[in-house]
N, C-alpha and C. Protein backbone atom coordinates (compact mmCIF):
# COMPACT_ATOMS: atom_id res chain seq x y z
N MET A 1 87.82 2.24 -86.54
CA MET A 1 86.52 2.11 -87.24
C MET A 1 85.71 3.42 -87.11
N LEU A 2 85.03 3.77 -88.06
CA LEU A 2 84.24 5.06 -88.07
C LEU A 2 83.00 4.75 -87.36
N ASN A 3 82.56 5.59 -86.52
CA ASN A 3 81.30 5.57 -85.81
C ASN A 3 80.32 6.31 -86.62
N LEU A 4 79.30 5.67 -87.41
CA LEU A 4 78.37 6.30 -88.29
C LEU A 4 77.31 7.11 -87.49
N SER A 5 77.11 6.76 -86.30
CA SER A 5 76.02 7.54 -85.55
C SER A 5 76.39 8.98 -85.28
N GLN A 6 77.73 9.29 -85.38
CA GLN A 6 78.25 10.62 -85.10
C GLN A 6 78.46 11.48 -86.34
N THR A 7 78.18 10.84 -87.47
CA THR A 7 78.36 11.51 -88.82
C THR A 7 77.10 12.01 -89.31
N SER A 8 77.24 12.79 -90.44
CA SER A 8 75.95 13.47 -90.99
C SER A 8 75.28 12.35 -91.75
N PRO A 9 73.94 12.57 -91.91
CA PRO A 9 73.15 11.62 -92.67
C PRO A 9 73.57 11.37 -93.99
N ARG A 10 74.08 12.37 -94.63
CA ARG A 10 74.51 12.29 -96.07
C ARG A 10 75.74 11.40 -96.22
N TYR A 11 76.76 11.55 -95.16
CA TYR A 11 77.90 10.73 -95.19
C TYR A 11 77.49 9.18 -94.94
N ARG A 12 76.46 9.00 -94.02
CA ARG A 12 76.10 7.64 -93.70
C ARG A 12 75.51 6.99 -94.99
N VAL A 13 74.69 7.66 -95.75
CA VAL A 13 74.14 7.12 -96.95
C VAL A 13 75.32 6.78 -97.94
N SER A 14 76.32 7.73 -98.08
CA SER A 14 77.40 7.49 -98.90
C SER A 14 78.18 6.35 -98.53
N ALA A 15 78.42 6.17 -97.24
CA ALA A 15 79.28 5.02 -96.74
C ALA A 15 78.55 3.75 -96.97
N LEU A 16 77.28 3.73 -96.76
CA LEU A 16 76.51 2.50 -96.94
C LEU A 16 76.45 2.08 -98.46
N LEU A 17 76.36 3.09 -99.32
CA LEU A 17 76.41 2.73 -100.84
C LEU A 17 77.80 2.21 -101.18
N ARG A 18 78.85 2.76 -100.64
CA ARG A 18 80.15 2.23 -100.97
C ARG A 18 80.36 0.80 -100.43
N THR A 19 79.67 0.47 -99.36
CA THR A 19 79.79 -0.92 -98.81
C THR A 19 78.92 -1.87 -99.61
N LEU A 20 77.73 -1.45 -100.09
CA LEU A 20 76.90 -2.31 -100.77
C LEU A 20 77.19 -2.47 -102.29
N LEU A 21 77.66 -1.41 -102.89
CA LEU A 21 77.84 -1.38 -104.32
C LEU A 21 78.62 -2.57 -104.79
N PRO A 22 79.77 -3.00 -104.23
CA PRO A 22 80.47 -4.16 -104.71
C PRO A 22 79.65 -5.43 -104.72
N LEU A 23 78.74 -5.52 -103.71
CA LEU A 23 77.90 -6.74 -103.54
C LEU A 23 76.86 -6.71 -104.60
N LEU A 24 76.28 -5.54 -104.90
CA LEU A 24 75.39 -5.40 -106.00
C LEU A 24 75.83 -5.77 -107.27
N LEU A 25 77.17 -5.40 -107.57
CA LEU A 25 77.80 -5.57 -108.83
C LEU A 25 78.30 -7.07 -108.98
N LEU A 26 78.61 -7.77 -107.83
CA LEU A 26 79.00 -9.05 -107.99
C LEU A 26 77.87 -10.08 -108.16
N THR A 27 76.67 -9.73 -107.75
CA THR A 27 75.50 -10.73 -107.82
C THR A 27 75.25 -11.21 -109.26
N PRO A 28 75.13 -10.19 -110.25
CA PRO A 28 75.03 -10.69 -111.66
C PRO A 28 76.16 -11.57 -112.10
N LEU A 29 77.39 -11.19 -111.75
CA LEU A 29 78.56 -11.96 -112.20
C LEU A 29 78.53 -13.37 -111.64
N ALA A 30 78.16 -13.57 -110.39
CA ALA A 30 78.10 -14.82 -109.79
C ALA A 30 77.01 -15.77 -110.39
N ILE A 31 75.95 -15.08 -110.78
CA ILE A 31 74.89 -15.87 -111.44
C ILE A 31 75.36 -16.31 -112.90
N SER A 32 75.93 -15.40 -113.63
CA SER A 32 76.35 -15.70 -115.01
C SER A 32 77.52 -16.57 -115.04
N SER A 33 78.36 -16.61 -113.94
CA SER A 33 79.58 -17.49 -113.96
C SER A 33 79.21 -18.92 -113.50
N GLY A 34 77.98 -19.22 -113.27
CA GLY A 34 77.58 -20.67 -113.00
C GLY A 34 77.44 -20.82 -111.52
N ALA A 35 77.59 -19.84 -110.67
CA ALA A 35 77.22 -20.06 -109.26
C ALA A 35 75.72 -20.39 -109.12
N GLN A 36 75.46 -21.06 -108.03
CA GLN A 36 74.19 -21.48 -107.92
C GLN A 36 73.22 -20.37 -107.64
N ALA A 37 72.09 -20.29 -108.39
CA ALA A 37 71.14 -19.18 -108.32
C ALA A 37 70.20 -19.49 -107.13
N ALA A 38 69.56 -18.49 -106.73
CA ALA A 38 68.56 -18.58 -105.65
C ALA A 38 67.46 -19.59 -106.08
N PRO A 39 66.91 -20.31 -105.07
CA PRO A 39 65.82 -21.31 -105.48
C PRO A 39 64.63 -20.55 -106.01
N GLU A 40 63.92 -21.20 -106.94
CA GLU A 40 62.70 -20.76 -107.54
C GLU A 40 61.59 -20.86 -106.60
N LEU A 41 60.71 -19.89 -106.67
CA LEU A 41 59.37 -20.05 -105.81
C LEU A 41 58.47 -21.03 -106.40
N VAL A 42 58.44 -21.26 -107.66
CA VAL A 42 57.64 -22.20 -108.37
C VAL A 42 58.48 -23.29 -108.95
N SER A 43 58.12 -24.47 -108.73
CA SER A 43 58.96 -25.52 -109.24
C SER A 43 58.70 -25.69 -110.81
N PRO A 44 59.65 -26.19 -111.53
CA PRO A 44 59.49 -26.32 -112.97
C PRO A 44 58.30 -27.14 -113.38
N GLU A 45 57.94 -28.08 -112.71
CA GLU A 45 56.77 -29.00 -113.00
C GLU A 45 55.44 -28.41 -112.62
N GLN A 46 55.49 -27.32 -111.87
CA GLN A 46 54.23 -26.75 -111.46
C GLN A 46 53.90 -25.63 -112.45
N THR A 47 52.57 -25.55 -112.80
CA THR A 47 52.08 -24.62 -113.80
C THR A 47 51.43 -23.49 -113.05
N PRO A 48 51.25 -22.31 -113.70
CA PRO A 48 50.52 -21.21 -113.14
C PRO A 48 49.14 -21.58 -112.65
N VAL A 49 48.46 -22.47 -113.43
CA VAL A 49 47.18 -22.94 -112.97
C VAL A 49 47.14 -23.70 -111.60
N ASP A 50 48.24 -24.42 -111.37
CA ASP A 50 48.47 -25.15 -110.09
C ASP A 50 48.53 -24.01 -108.98
N ALA A 51 49.35 -22.98 -109.31
CA ALA A 51 49.54 -21.98 -108.22
C ALA A 51 48.20 -21.29 -107.97
N ILE A 52 47.44 -20.99 -109.01
CA ILE A 52 46.09 -20.34 -108.77
C ILE A 52 45.22 -21.27 -108.02
N GLU A 53 45.15 -22.54 -108.33
CA GLU A 53 44.25 -23.49 -107.60
C GLU A 53 44.69 -23.66 -106.19
N ARG A 54 46.02 -23.60 -105.91
CA ARG A 54 46.45 -23.77 -104.55
C ARG A 54 46.01 -22.43 -103.73
N GLU A 55 46.08 -21.31 -104.36
CA GLU A 55 45.77 -20.09 -103.69
C GLU A 55 44.22 -20.08 -103.39
N SER A 56 43.47 -20.56 -104.38
CA SER A 56 41.96 -20.65 -104.23
C SER A 56 41.70 -21.58 -103.12
N GLU A 57 42.32 -22.66 -103.06
CA GLU A 57 42.01 -23.63 -101.98
C GLU A 57 42.44 -23.09 -100.59
N ARG A 58 43.45 -22.26 -100.58
CA ARG A 58 43.84 -21.60 -99.29
C ARG A 58 42.80 -20.60 -98.87
N GLN A 59 42.24 -19.82 -99.82
CA GLN A 59 41.27 -18.89 -99.48
C GLN A 59 39.93 -19.64 -99.02
N VAL A 60 39.58 -20.73 -99.54
CA VAL A 60 38.39 -21.48 -99.17
C VAL A 60 38.66 -21.99 -97.80
N GLU A 61 39.76 -22.48 -97.48
CA GLU A 61 40.07 -22.90 -96.09
C GLU A 61 39.95 -21.85 -95.14
N ASN A 62 40.38 -20.59 -95.50
CA ASN A 62 40.21 -19.41 -94.56
C ASN A 62 38.62 -19.15 -94.39
N LEU A 63 37.86 -19.26 -95.43
CA LEU A 63 36.46 -19.05 -95.28
C LEU A 63 35.87 -20.12 -94.46
N LYS A 64 36.26 -21.37 -94.50
CA LYS A 64 35.75 -22.45 -93.69
C LYS A 64 35.99 -22.06 -92.19
N GLN A 65 37.20 -21.59 -91.85
CA GLN A 65 37.51 -21.21 -90.51
C GLN A 65 36.68 -20.06 -90.02
N LEU A 66 36.56 -19.00 -91.03
CA LEU A 66 35.73 -17.86 -90.71
C LEU A 66 34.25 -18.22 -90.38
N TYR A 67 33.72 -19.06 -91.16
CA TYR A 67 32.21 -19.37 -90.99
C TYR A 67 31.92 -20.66 -90.12
N LEU A 68 33.06 -21.19 -89.60
CA LEU A 68 33.02 -22.38 -88.65
C LEU A 68 32.29 -23.47 -89.33
N THR A 69 32.75 -23.84 -90.43
CA THR A 69 32.10 -25.10 -91.05
C THR A 69 33.24 -25.86 -91.72
N ASN A 70 33.03 -27.24 -91.93
CA ASN A 70 33.95 -28.00 -92.71
C ASN A 70 33.53 -28.07 -94.15
N ASP A 71 32.47 -27.56 -94.51
CA ASP A 71 31.87 -27.72 -95.95
C ASP A 71 32.35 -26.46 -96.74
N ALA A 72 33.09 -26.67 -97.81
CA ALA A 72 33.46 -25.45 -98.62
C ALA A 72 32.33 -24.80 -99.26
N VAL A 73 31.33 -25.56 -99.74
CA VAL A 73 30.16 -24.96 -100.42
C VAL A 73 29.31 -24.11 -99.45
N SER A 74 29.21 -24.51 -98.20
CA SER A 74 28.47 -23.90 -97.16
C SER A 74 29.26 -22.55 -96.86
N ALA A 75 30.53 -22.54 -96.75
CA ALA A 75 31.37 -21.43 -96.48
C ALA A 75 31.27 -20.41 -97.59
N LEU A 76 31.30 -20.94 -98.90
CA LEU A 76 31.16 -19.98 -99.99
C LEU A 76 29.91 -19.38 -100.08
N LEU A 77 28.76 -20.20 -99.83
CA LEU A 77 27.46 -19.59 -99.75
C LEU A 77 27.27 -18.47 -98.76
N GLN A 78 27.72 -18.81 -97.54
CA GLN A 78 27.69 -17.75 -96.50
C GLN A 78 28.39 -16.50 -96.83
N HIS A 79 29.57 -16.69 -97.37
CA HIS A 79 30.44 -15.52 -97.79
C HIS A 79 29.70 -14.76 -98.92
N LEU A 80 29.33 -15.42 -99.93
CA LEU A 80 28.64 -14.75 -101.06
C LEU A 80 27.36 -14.07 -100.52
N ASN A 81 26.58 -14.61 -99.78
CA ASN A 81 25.44 -14.00 -99.21
C ASN A 81 25.69 -12.71 -98.44
N ALA A 82 26.82 -12.81 -97.66
CA ALA A 82 27.21 -11.66 -96.82
C ALA A 82 27.66 -10.50 -97.76
N MET A 83 28.43 -10.78 -98.76
CA MET A 83 28.89 -9.83 -99.80
C MET A 83 27.80 -9.24 -100.66
N LEU A 84 26.75 -10.10 -101.04
CA LEU A 84 25.68 -9.60 -101.75
C LEU A 84 24.83 -8.68 -100.95
N ARG A 85 24.65 -8.97 -99.68
CA ARG A 85 23.93 -8.08 -98.77
C ARG A 85 24.55 -6.77 -98.59
N SER A 86 25.93 -6.79 -98.43
CA SER A 86 26.61 -5.52 -98.01
C SER A 86 26.93 -4.63 -99.38
N HIS A 87 26.76 -5.25 -100.54
CA HIS A 87 26.91 -4.54 -101.76
C HIS A 87 25.65 -4.46 -102.59
N ALA A 88 24.51 -4.51 -101.95
CA ALA A 88 23.24 -4.43 -102.71
C ALA A 88 23.10 -3.17 -103.56
N TYR A 89 22.51 -3.34 -104.64
CA TYR A 89 22.29 -2.18 -105.54
C TYR A 89 21.06 -1.40 -105.07
N SER A 90 21.16 -0.12 -104.99
CA SER A 90 20.08 0.81 -104.64
C SER A 90 20.30 2.07 -105.45
N GLN A 91 19.14 2.57 -105.88
CA GLN A 91 19.23 3.80 -106.69
C GLN A 91 19.44 5.00 -105.80
N GLU A 92 19.25 4.89 -104.54
CA GLU A 92 19.44 5.91 -103.53
C GLU A 92 20.83 6.29 -103.33
N ARG A 93 21.20 7.55 -103.19
CA ARG A 93 22.63 7.94 -102.87
C ARG A 93 22.83 7.57 -101.38
N ILE A 94 21.95 7.76 -100.50
CA ILE A 94 22.22 7.44 -99.14
C ILE A 94 21.37 6.17 -98.79
N VAL A 95 22.13 5.17 -98.27
CA VAL A 95 21.48 3.87 -97.95
C VAL A 95 21.27 3.68 -96.52
N ASP A 96 20.07 3.37 -96.08
CA ASP A 96 19.84 3.05 -94.73
C ASP A 96 20.09 1.65 -94.54
N LEU A 97 21.14 1.34 -93.63
CA LEU A 97 21.53 -0.01 -93.35
C LEU A 97 20.58 -0.80 -92.49
N GLU A 98 19.61 -0.11 -91.82
CA GLU A 98 18.76 -0.62 -90.94
C GLU A 98 17.49 -1.32 -91.60
N LYS A 99 17.24 -0.88 -92.78
CA LYS A 99 16.05 -1.52 -93.54
C LYS A 99 16.55 -1.91 -94.88
N PRO A 100 15.88 -2.94 -95.44
CA PRO A 100 16.30 -3.46 -96.73
C PRO A 100 16.03 -2.39 -97.90
N GLN A 101 16.84 -2.18 -98.80
CA GLN A 101 16.71 -1.33 -99.82
C GLN A 101 17.28 -1.86 -101.07
N GLY A 102 16.71 -1.48 -102.30
CA GLY A 102 17.37 -1.95 -103.53
C GLY A 102 17.11 -3.36 -103.85
N LEU A 103 18.09 -4.01 -104.51
CA LEU A 103 17.97 -5.36 -104.82
C LEU A 103 18.84 -6.22 -103.89
N VAL A 104 18.22 -7.21 -103.26
CA VAL A 104 18.86 -8.03 -102.27
C VAL A 104 18.78 -9.51 -102.81
N TYR A 105 19.94 -10.19 -102.76
CA TYR A 105 19.93 -11.53 -103.31
C TYR A 105 20.38 -12.45 -102.12
N GLN A 106 19.82 -13.66 -102.28
CA GLN A 106 20.18 -14.74 -101.33
C GLN A 106 20.45 -15.99 -102.17
N LEU A 107 21.60 -16.66 -101.95
CA LEU A 107 21.84 -17.84 -102.79
C LEU A 107 21.70 -19.07 -101.82
N ASP A 108 21.22 -20.09 -102.45
CA ASP A 108 21.12 -21.40 -101.87
C ASP A 108 21.33 -22.55 -102.82
N VAL A 109 21.44 -23.80 -102.32
CA VAL A 109 21.59 -24.90 -103.19
C VAL A 109 20.50 -25.79 -103.04
N SER A 110 19.78 -26.22 -104.19
CA SER A 110 18.62 -27.12 -104.04
C SER A 110 19.14 -28.60 -103.88
N ASP A 111 18.11 -29.46 -103.67
CA ASP A 111 18.57 -30.84 -103.48
C ASP A 111 19.11 -31.45 -104.77
N SER A 112 18.74 -30.94 -105.89
CA SER A 112 19.25 -31.43 -107.16
C SER A 112 20.69 -30.79 -107.49
N ARG A 113 21.21 -30.01 -106.50
CA ARG A 113 22.50 -29.40 -106.69
C ARG A 113 22.43 -28.16 -107.63
N ALA A 114 21.19 -27.68 -107.88
CA ALA A 114 21.20 -26.45 -108.73
C ALA A 114 21.39 -25.19 -107.86
N LEU A 115 21.83 -24.06 -108.28
CA LEU A 115 21.97 -22.82 -107.63
C LEU A 115 20.70 -22.09 -107.64
N VAL A 116 20.10 -21.80 -106.47
CA VAL A 116 18.89 -21.07 -106.31
C VAL A 116 19.21 -19.68 -105.94
N VAL A 117 18.70 -18.74 -106.72
CA VAL A 117 18.85 -17.29 -106.43
C VAL A 117 17.53 -16.75 -106.09
N ARG A 118 17.42 -16.19 -104.89
CA ARG A 118 16.19 -15.48 -104.44
C ARG A 118 16.43 -14.02 -104.51
N THR A 119 15.54 -13.34 -105.06
CA THR A 119 15.64 -11.87 -105.21
C THR A 119 14.52 -11.17 -104.52
N SER A 120 14.92 -10.14 -103.82
CA SER A 120 13.93 -9.28 -103.18
C SER A 120 14.16 -7.85 -103.69
N ASP A 121 13.24 -7.26 -104.26
CA ASP A 121 13.40 -5.95 -104.87
C ASP A 121 12.62 -4.91 -103.99
N TYR A 122 13.32 -4.04 -103.33
CA TYR A 122 12.81 -3.06 -102.48
C TYR A 122 12.81 -1.63 -103.08
N ARG A 123 12.98 -1.57 -104.45
CA ARG A 123 13.06 -0.28 -105.10
C ARG A 123 11.85 0.49 -105.23
N LYS A 124 10.63 -0.15 -105.24
CA LYS A 124 9.39 0.51 -105.34
C LYS A 124 8.89 0.81 -103.91
N ALA A 125 8.54 2.03 -103.69
CA ALA A 125 8.02 2.45 -102.33
C ALA A 125 6.75 1.70 -101.95
N GLY A 126 6.89 1.02 -100.73
CA GLY A 126 5.55 0.49 -100.20
C GLY A 126 5.46 -1.01 -100.61
N ALA A 127 6.06 -1.53 -101.66
CA ALA A 127 5.75 -2.85 -102.18
C ALA A 127 6.94 -3.58 -102.55
N ALA A 128 7.48 -4.53 -101.80
CA ALA A 128 8.65 -5.31 -102.15
C ALA A 128 8.16 -6.47 -103.06
N THR A 129 8.88 -6.81 -103.99
CA THR A 129 8.57 -8.08 -104.85
C THR A 129 9.68 -9.04 -104.58
N HIS A 130 9.29 -10.31 -104.56
CA HIS A 130 10.17 -11.40 -104.33
C HIS A 130 10.10 -12.42 -105.49
N GLY A 131 11.18 -13.05 -105.72
CA GLY A 131 11.20 -14.15 -106.81
C GLY A 131 12.40 -14.99 -106.58
N SER A 132 12.39 -16.07 -107.37
CA SER A 132 13.58 -16.96 -107.28
C SER A 132 13.72 -17.66 -108.62
N ILE A 133 14.97 -17.98 -108.93
CA ILE A 133 15.16 -18.80 -110.14
C ILE A 133 16.19 -19.92 -109.75
N SER A 134 16.13 -21.01 -110.40
CA SER A 134 17.00 -22.08 -110.20
C SER A 134 17.92 -22.19 -111.44
N LEU A 135 19.13 -22.22 -111.24
CA LEU A 135 20.20 -22.22 -112.33
C LEU A 135 20.83 -23.68 -112.33
N ASP A 136 20.47 -24.39 -113.39
CA ASP A 136 21.18 -25.72 -113.64
C ASP A 136 22.63 -25.42 -113.97
N LEU A 137 23.50 -25.98 -113.29
CA LEU A 137 24.97 -25.66 -113.50
C LEU A 137 25.78 -26.57 -114.51
N SER A 138 25.03 -27.58 -115.01
CA SER A 138 25.70 -28.55 -115.86
C SER A 138 25.96 -27.87 -117.24
N GLY A 139 27.26 -27.91 -117.63
CA GLY A 139 27.63 -27.44 -118.93
C GLY A 139 27.95 -25.99 -119.07
N ILE A 140 27.84 -25.25 -117.89
CA ILE A 140 28.12 -23.83 -118.05
C ILE A 140 29.56 -23.57 -117.56
N ASP A 141 30.17 -22.46 -118.09
CA ASP A 141 31.40 -21.99 -117.66
C ASP A 141 31.39 -21.49 -116.32
N PRO A 142 32.13 -21.97 -115.38
CA PRO A 142 32.10 -21.43 -114.05
C PRO A 142 32.63 -20.05 -113.82
N TYR A 143 33.54 -19.63 -114.73
CA TYR A 143 34.13 -18.43 -114.57
C TYR A 143 33.27 -17.26 -115.05
N VAL A 144 32.44 -16.74 -114.18
CA VAL A 144 31.48 -15.66 -114.49
C VAL A 144 32.18 -14.32 -114.48
N GLY A 145 31.86 -13.43 -115.32
CA GLY A 145 32.50 -12.20 -115.51
C GLY A 145 31.65 -11.17 -114.76
N TYR A 146 32.18 -9.87 -114.69
CA TYR A 146 31.48 -8.90 -114.14
C TYR A 146 31.73 -7.54 -114.94
N GLN A 147 30.84 -6.68 -114.86
CA GLN A 147 30.90 -5.38 -115.54
C GLN A 147 30.50 -4.29 -114.59
N CYS A 148 30.99 -3.05 -114.77
CA CYS A 148 30.59 -1.89 -114.05
C CYS A 148 30.22 -0.71 -114.98
N ASP A 149 29.27 0.04 -114.50
CA ASP A 149 28.86 1.24 -115.25
C ASP A 149 28.87 2.45 -114.29
N ALA A 150 29.82 3.30 -114.38
CA ALA A 150 29.95 4.39 -113.41
C ALA A 150 28.78 5.38 -113.60
N ARG A 151 28.29 5.54 -114.83
CA ARG A 151 27.27 6.58 -115.15
C ARG A 151 26.03 6.14 -114.25
N ASN A 152 25.66 4.92 -114.34
CA ASN A 152 24.41 4.41 -113.59
C ASN A 152 24.72 3.93 -112.30
N ARG A 153 26.01 4.09 -111.82
CA ARG A 153 26.33 3.72 -110.41
C ARG A 153 25.95 2.33 -110.10
N LYS A 154 26.36 1.37 -110.93
CA LYS A 154 26.11 -0.09 -110.64
C LYS A 154 27.15 -0.99 -111.26
N CYS A 155 27.28 -2.12 -110.74
CA CYS A 155 28.08 -3.24 -111.26
C CYS A 155 27.15 -4.37 -111.37
N TRP A 156 27.53 -5.43 -112.11
CA TRP A 156 26.64 -6.57 -112.28
C TRP A 156 27.59 -7.81 -112.56
N ILE A 157 27.11 -8.92 -112.15
CA ILE A 157 27.64 -10.30 -112.40
C ILE A 157 27.00 -10.71 -113.64
N ASN A 158 27.78 -11.13 -114.67
CA ASN A 158 27.25 -11.55 -115.92
C ASN A 158 26.44 -12.90 -115.64
N ASP A 159 25.47 -13.11 -116.42
CA ASP A 159 24.69 -14.34 -116.41
C ASP A 159 25.56 -15.54 -116.87
N PRO A 160 25.77 -16.54 -116.12
CA PRO A 160 26.65 -17.57 -116.46
C PRO A 160 26.29 -18.49 -117.68
N VAL A 161 25.02 -18.32 -118.02
CA VAL A 161 24.39 -19.01 -119.19
C VAL A 161 24.81 -18.39 -120.46
N ASP A 162 24.44 -17.11 -120.60
CA ASP A 162 24.70 -16.39 -121.94
C ASP A 162 26.04 -15.53 -121.79
N GLU A 163 26.57 -15.44 -120.63
CA GLU A 163 27.80 -14.70 -120.33
C GLU A 163 27.93 -13.23 -120.66
N THR A 164 26.70 -12.59 -121.08
CA THR A 164 26.73 -11.21 -121.43
C THR A 164 25.73 -10.38 -120.62
N SER A 165 24.51 -10.96 -120.44
CA SER A 165 23.48 -10.20 -119.77
C SER A 165 23.66 -10.04 -118.29
N GLU A 166 23.00 -8.96 -117.67
CA GLU A 166 23.06 -8.78 -116.32
C GLU A 166 22.45 -9.97 -115.56
N TRP A 167 23.04 -10.37 -114.44
CA TRP A 167 22.42 -11.46 -113.73
C TRP A 167 22.19 -10.91 -112.27
N LEU A 168 23.25 -10.59 -111.59
CA LEU A 168 23.07 -10.06 -110.23
C LEU A 168 23.59 -8.53 -110.36
N THR A 169 22.76 -7.65 -109.96
CA THR A 169 22.99 -6.28 -110.00
C THR A 169 23.50 -5.83 -108.61
N LEU A 170 24.59 -5.07 -108.60
CA LEU A 170 25.31 -4.61 -107.34
C LEU A 170 25.52 -3.20 -107.35
N ALA A 171 25.84 -2.77 -106.16
CA ALA A 171 26.35 -1.35 -106.05
C ALA A 171 27.65 -1.12 -106.89
N HIS A 172 27.88 0.16 -107.21
CA HIS A 172 29.03 0.42 -108.07
C HIS A 172 30.29 0.35 -107.13
N GLU A 173 30.84 -0.87 -107.02
CA GLU A 173 32.08 -1.09 -106.25
C GLU A 173 32.77 -2.15 -107.05
N PRO A 174 33.61 -1.83 -108.04
CA PRO A 174 34.25 -2.81 -108.89
C PRO A 174 35.12 -3.78 -108.11
N ALA A 175 35.76 -3.42 -107.06
CA ALA A 175 36.60 -4.41 -106.27
C ALA A 175 35.72 -5.51 -105.67
N ALA A 176 34.53 -4.97 -105.15
CA ALA A 176 33.57 -5.94 -104.62
C ALA A 176 33.02 -6.91 -105.61
N ALA A 177 32.65 -6.34 -106.80
CA ALA A 177 32.11 -7.09 -107.94
C ALA A 177 33.09 -8.19 -108.31
N GLU A 178 34.37 -7.76 -108.44
CA GLU A 178 35.50 -8.82 -108.76
C GLU A 178 35.53 -9.97 -107.76
N LYS A 179 35.47 -9.60 -106.42
CA LYS A 179 35.54 -10.57 -105.39
C LYS A 179 34.34 -11.53 -105.37
N ILE A 180 33.14 -10.99 -105.69
CA ILE A 180 31.94 -11.78 -105.76
C ILE A 180 32.05 -12.63 -107.00
N SER A 181 32.47 -12.23 -108.10
CA SER A 181 32.65 -12.91 -109.37
C SER A 181 33.64 -14.04 -109.12
N MET A 182 34.69 -13.88 -108.50
CA MET A 182 35.62 -14.95 -108.09
C MET A 182 35.08 -16.01 -107.17
N ALA A 183 34.37 -15.52 -106.15
CA ALA A 183 33.76 -16.48 -105.22
C ALA A 183 32.64 -17.28 -105.85
N MET A 184 31.96 -16.69 -106.78
CA MET A 184 30.87 -17.32 -107.54
C MET A 184 31.44 -18.39 -108.44
N ALA A 185 32.52 -18.07 -108.92
CA ALA A 185 33.27 -19.11 -109.93
C ALA A 185 33.60 -20.29 -109.06
N GLU A 186 34.22 -20.08 -107.79
CA GLU A 186 34.58 -21.19 -107.07
C GLU A 186 33.45 -21.95 -106.56
N LEU A 187 32.32 -21.33 -106.28
CA LEU A 187 31.09 -22.07 -105.82
C LEU A 187 30.63 -22.90 -106.97
N ILE A 188 30.50 -22.37 -108.17
CA ILE A 188 29.96 -23.05 -109.32
C ILE A 188 30.90 -24.28 -109.60
N LYS A 189 32.22 -24.14 -109.56
CA LYS A 189 33.13 -25.26 -109.81
C LYS A 189 32.85 -26.44 -108.80
N ARG A 190 32.76 -26.02 -107.56
CA ARG A 190 32.55 -27.07 -106.56
C ARG A 190 31.22 -27.71 -106.67
N LEU A 191 30.16 -26.95 -106.97
CA LEU A 191 28.82 -27.56 -107.21
C LEU A 191 28.84 -28.53 -108.46
N GLN A 192 29.57 -28.09 -109.50
CA GLN A 192 29.62 -28.86 -110.67
C GLN A 192 30.38 -30.21 -110.31
N LYS A 193 31.38 -30.21 -109.45
CA LYS A 193 32.14 -31.33 -109.03
C LYS A 193 31.18 -32.36 -108.27
N ARG A 194 30.32 -31.72 -107.42
CA ARG A 194 29.48 -32.61 -106.63
C ARG A 194 28.40 -33.26 -107.61
N VAL A 195 27.93 -32.56 -108.53
CA VAL A 195 26.99 -33.16 -109.50
C VAL A 195 27.68 -34.26 -110.31
N GLY A 196 28.93 -34.08 -110.71
CA GLY A 196 29.62 -35.03 -111.46
C GLY A 196 29.97 -36.23 -110.62
N ALA A 197 30.04 -36.10 -109.29
CA ALA A 197 30.45 -37.20 -108.40
C ALA A 197 29.27 -38.07 -108.24
N ASN A 198 28.13 -37.61 -108.46
CA ASN A 198 26.83 -38.45 -108.07
C ASN A 198 26.38 -39.09 -109.34
């Protein structure tokens, strides 16, 4: 038997290819000749939607563990608020993390199961403005989109009611905007289920 550790690297690769090549060539023949194929990862009765919902549920379970709660809505709210704080839109190129700057959002749920969005605007020097809106979730599409504008260095979550205008303005970080959009969709779906259950 040949000791490959004492041969050149080129010969070792060549010997390995000679060993594996017949196996690689036999695999398609075995499948086409009726040999049992490898098991599928997704069962035939399972749809892509089922796989997406299962993955979404897994992510929500991870958030519940992270935020030490048994309530999915509470975990999603805490996660969204953390992401909204860390990706707040500011016109400044250098952001001081020690003091609030730009547009800061805080999400909450009212007693009537509406989504409450509190906005604090620190963009004007010396005077912060605060406001809040309540969003009735009945009848709206939970899958909110997002857009980004590199020239103005911002992203935003689309308004779930008209689906086109800016709703939540964020720093120009498309990956973060996508994650916020997905978490927001999951939150809206769960809140809509709660309203429907009552």
